Amino acid sequence: MITVEHPLLFVTSDYLAEISLLKAKKRLSLEALKALLREREAQGKAAEQWVLKYEQERLRATGCDIEAGAVRIISELDVAAGFDIESFDGLSPNLKADRLIEDEEHDGFRGVVHMVRE
């Protein structure tokens, strides 16, 4: 049994569309929800790949080939990190990521990228 002590629920932006469907009390079958989640996941992965490629090209264009090879998508390793991609502002002798990127992709719209600093 689930009990609710506080009527407040925090939802990440990744699931706002799905939650709004539930909140609006529209009918949504389990299969429709699964299809929607698969579509969102595919969109998110495509957006991450786009940002990864962009960051690698940006770094290579400035002569930072080693850093370009070290850019990585971390969202599959740590979904709670608060960002999706570790990159570099420029040369980094110790290869410590100093550009943390949270990528947003919604309904096929790409381009909203947030820089996150620890």
C-alpha atoms as a PDB file:
ATOM      1  CA  MET A   1       0.000   0.000   0.000  1.00  0.00           C
ATOM      2  CA  ILE A   2       1.220   3.469  -0.838  1.00  0.00           C
ATOM      3  CA  THR A   3       0.575   6.323   1.542  1.00  0.00           C
ATOM      4  CA  VAL A   4       0.999   9.963   0.709  1.00  0.00           C
ATOM      5  CA  GLU A   5       2.145  12.275   3.456  1.00  0.00           C
ATOM      6  CA  HIS A   6       2.684  15.309   1.242  1.00  0.00           C
ATOM      7  CA  PRO A   7       0.472  16.031  -1.773  1.00  0.00           C
ATOM      8  CA  LEU A   8       3.441  17.463  -3.701  1.00  0.00           C
ATOM      9  CA  LEU A   9       5.000  15.563  -6.581  1.00  0.00           C
ATOM     10  CA  PHE A  10       8.121  16.596  -8.467  1.00  0.00           C
ATOM     11  CA  VAL A  11       8.343  15.490 -12.094  1.00  0.00           C
ATOM     12  CA  THR A  12      11.325  16.032 -14.371  1.00  0.00           C
ATOM     13  CA  SER A  13      10.689  17.800 -17.651  1.00  0.00           C
ATOM     14  CA  ASP A  14      11.290  14.500 -19.466  1.00  0.00           C
ATOM     15  CA  TYR A  15       7.906  13.208 -18.309  1.00  0.00           C
ATOM     16  CA  LEU A  16       5.741  16.327 -18.244  1.00  0.00           C
ATOM     17  CA  ALA A  17       3.807  15.328 -21.385  1.00  0.00           C
ATOM     18  CA  GLU A  18       3.026  11.898 -19.984  1.00  0.00           C
ATOM     19  CA  ILE A  19       2.007  13.246 -16.592  1.00  0.00           C
ATOM     20  CA  SER A  20      -0.171  15.936 -18.155  1.00  0.00           C
ATOM     21  CA  LEU A  21      -2.063  13.186 -19.987  1.00  0.00           C
ATOM     22  CA  LEU A  22      -2.684  11.440 -16.691  1.00  0.00           C
ATOM     23  CA  LYS A  23      -3.590  14.671 -14.918  1.00  0.00           C
ATOM     24  CA  ALA A  24      -6.102  15.560 -17.617  1.00  0.00           C
ATOM     25  CA  LYS A  25      -7.737  12.179 -16.947  1.00  0.00           C
ATOM     26  CA  LYS A  26      -7.598  11.261 -20.601  1.00  0.00           C
ATOM     27  CA  ARG A  27      -7.576   7.580 -21.263  1.00  0.00           C
ATOM     28  CA  LEU A  28      -4.188   6.186 -22.075  1.00  0.00           C
ATOM     29  CA  SER A  29      -3.659   2.498 -22.533  1.00  0.00           C
ATOM     30  CA  LEU A  30      -0.565   0.757 -21.252  1.00  0.00           C
ATOM     31  CA  GLU A  31       0.541   0.078 -24.836  1.00  0.00           C
ATOM     32  CA  ALA A  32       0.063   3.740 -25.794  1.00  0.00           C
ATOM     33  CA  LEU A  33       2.109   4.819 -22.763  1.00  0.00           C
ATOM     34  CA  LYS A  34       4.877   2.351 -23.645  1.00  0.00           C
ATOM     35  CA  ALA A  35       4.916   3.616 -27.242  1.00  0.00           C
ATOM     36  CA  LEU A  36       5.095   7.213 -26.028  1.00  0.00           C
ATOM     37  CA  LEU A  37       7.986   6.392 -23.689  1.00  0.00           C
ATOM     38  CA  ARG A  38       9.845   4.545 -26.482  1.00  0.00           C
ATOM     39  CA  GLU A  39       9.403   7.550 -28.761  1.00  0.00           C
ATOM     40  CA  ARG A  40      10.681   9.936 -26.074  1.00  0.00           C
ATOM     41  CA  GLU A  41      13.668   7.691 -25.416  1.00  0.00           C
ATOM     42  CA  ALA A  42      14.528   7.574 -29.125  1.00  0.00           C
ATOM     43  CA  GLN A  43      14.234  11.368 -29.367  1.00  0.00           C
ATOM     44  CA  GLY A  44      16.451  11.791 -26.307  1.00  0.00           C
ATOM     45  CA  LYS A  45      19.121   9.457 -27.656  1.00  0.00           C
ATOM     46  CA  ALA A  46      19.097  11.229 -31.026  1.00  0.00           C
ATOM     47  CA  ALA A  47      19.502  14.586 -29.276  1.00  0.00           C
ATOM     48  CA  GLU A  48      22.392  13.283 -27.178  1.00  0.00           C
ATOM     49  CA  GLN A  49      24.127  11.955 -30.287  1.00  0.00           C
ATOM     50  CA  TRP A  50      23.664  15.328 -31.996  1.00  0.00           C
ATOM     51  CA  VAL A  51      25.197  17.203 -29.036  1.00  0.00           C
ATOM     52  CA  LEU A  52      28.030  14.640 -28.760  1.00  0.00           C
ATOM     53  CA  LYS A  53      28.925  15.134 -32.431  1.00  0.00           C
ATOM     54  CA  TYR A  54      28.654  18.917 -32.117  1.00  0.00           C
ATOM     55  CA  GLU A  55      30.969  18.988 -29.097  1.00  0.00           C
ATOM     56  CA  GLN A  56      33.507  16.709 -30.772  1.00  0.00           C
ATOM     57  CA  GLU A  57      33.543  18.840 -33.932  1.00  0.00           C
ATOM     58  CA  ARG A  58      33.793  22.063 -31.886  1.00  0.00           C
ATOM     59  CA  LEU A  59      36.808  20.754 -29.990  1.00  0.00           C
ATOM     60  CA  ARG A  60      38.548  19.340 -33.082  1.00  0.00           C
ATOM     61  CA  ALA A  61      38.111  22.705 -34.827  1.00  0.00           C
ATOM     62  CA  THR A  62      40.149  24.321 -32.032  1.00  0.00           C
ATOM     63  CA  GLY A  63      42.887  21.677 -32.070  1.00  0.00           C
ATOM     64  CA  CYS A  64      41.626  19.786 -29.017  1.00  0.00           C
ATOM     65  CA  ASP A  65      41.624  16.329 -30.604  1.00  0.00           C
ATOM     66  CA  ILE A  66      42.328  14.445 -27.376  1.00  0.00           C
ATOM     67  CA  GLU A  67      39.518  16.255 -25.570  1.00  0.00           C
ATOM     68  CA  ALA A  68      37.179  15.594 -28.513  1.00  0.00           C
ATOM     69  CA  GLY A  69      37.821  11.884 -28.119  1.00  0.00           C
ATOM     70  CA  ALA A  70      37.067  12.071 -24.407  1.00  0.00           C
ATOM     71  CA  VAL A  71      33.620  13.697 -24.728  1.00  0.00           C
ATOM     72  CA  ARG A  72      31.063  11.201 -23.485  1.00  0.00           C
ATOM     73  CA  ILE A  73      27.392  10.659 -22.901  1.00  0.00           C
ATOM     74  CA  ILE A  74      26.961   9.774 -19.256  1.00  0.00           C
ATOM     75  CA  SER A  75      23.182   9.624 -19.028  1.00  0.00           C
ATOM     76  CA  GLU A  76      23.221   5.843 -19.508  1.00  0.00           C
ATOM     77  CA  LEU A  77      25.740   5.484 -16.688  1.00  0.00           C
ATOM     78  CA  ASP A  78      24.096   7.863 -14.218  1.00  0.00           C
ATOM     79  CA  VAL A  79      20.539   9.016 -14.881  1.00  0.00           C
ATOM     80  CA  ALA A  80      20.596  11.159 -11.721  1.00  0.00           C
ATOM     81  CA  ALA A  81      23.723  13.143 -12.627  1.00  0.00           C
ATOM     82  CA  GLY A  82      21.751  16.244 -13.600  1.00  0.00           C
ATOM     83  CA  PHE A  83      23.348  16.413 -17.039  1.00  0.00           C
ATOM     84  CA  ASP A  84      23.742  14.145 -20.056  1.00  0.00           C
ATOM     85  CA  ILE A  85      27.145  14.880 -21.581  1.00  0.00           C
ATOM     86  CA  GLU A  86      30.607  15.561 -20.199  1.00  0.00           C
ATOM     87  CA  SER A  87      32.725  17.788 -22.417  1.00  0.00           C
ATOM     88  CA  PHE A  88      35.482  20.391 -22.248  1.00  0.00           C
ATOM     89  CA  ASP A  89      35.642  24.158 -22.709  1.00  0.00           C
ATOM     90  CA  GLY A  90      38.997  23.732 -24.464  1.00  0.00           C
ATOM     91  CA  LEU A  91      42.392  22.256 -23.709  1.00  0.00           C
ATOM     92  CA  SER A  92      42.369  20.139 -20.577  1.00  0.00           C
ATOM     93  CA  PRO A  93      45.718  18.565 -19.685  1.00  0.00           C
ATOM     94  CA  ASN A  94      44.149  16.402 -16.970  1.00  0.00           C
ATOM     95  CA  LEU A  95      41.037  15.594 -19.084  1.00  0.00           C
ATOM     96  CA  LYS A  96      38.695  16.684 -16.300  1.00  0.00           C
ATOM     97  CA  ALA A  97      35.351  17.562 -17.870  1.00  0.00           C
ATOM     98  CA  ASP A  98      34.506  21.213 -17.257  1.00  0.00           C
ATOM     99  CA  ARG A  99      31.514  21.511 -19.592  1.00  0.00           C
ATOM    100  CA  LEU A 100      28.495  19.563 -18.357  1.00  0.00           C
ATOM    101  CA  ILE A 101      25.562  19.618 -20.752  1.00  0.00           C
ATOM    102  CA  GLU A 102      21.907  18.851 -20.125  1.00  0.00           C
ATOM    103  CA  ASP A 103      20.291  18.227 -23.490  1.00  0.00           C
ATOM    104  CA  GLU A 104      16.594  18.829 -24.018  1.00  0.00           C
ATOM    105  CA  GLU A 105      14.588  17.294 -26.844  1.00  0.00           C
ATOM    106  CA  HIS A 106      10.814  17.647 -26.962  1.00  0.00           C
ATOM    107  CA  ASP A 107       8.511  16.567 -29.767  1.00  0.00           C
ATOM    108  CA  GLY A 108      11.310  16.643 -32.311  1.00  0.00           C
ATOM    109  CA  PHE A 109      12.449  20.164 -31.346  1.00  0.00           C
ATOM    110  CA  ARG A 110      16.168  20.257 -30.737  1.00  0.00           C
ATOM    111  CA  GLY A 111      18.270  23.160 -29.701  1.00  0.00           C
ATOM    112  CA  VAL A 112      17.573  23.843 -26.062  1.00  0.00           C
ATOM    113  CA  VAL A 113      20.860  22.956 -24.410  1.00  0.00           C
ATOM    114  CA  HIS A 114      21.612  23.949 -20.847  1.00  0.00           C
ATOM    115  CA  MET A 115      25.081  24.245 -19.414  1.00  0.00           C
ATOM    116  CA  VAL A 116      25.308  22.847 -15.911  1.00  0.00           C
ATOM    117  CA  ARG A 117      28.103  23.690 -13.501  1.00  0.00           C
ATOM    118  CA  GLU A 118      28.884  21.729 -10.367  1.00  0.00           C
END
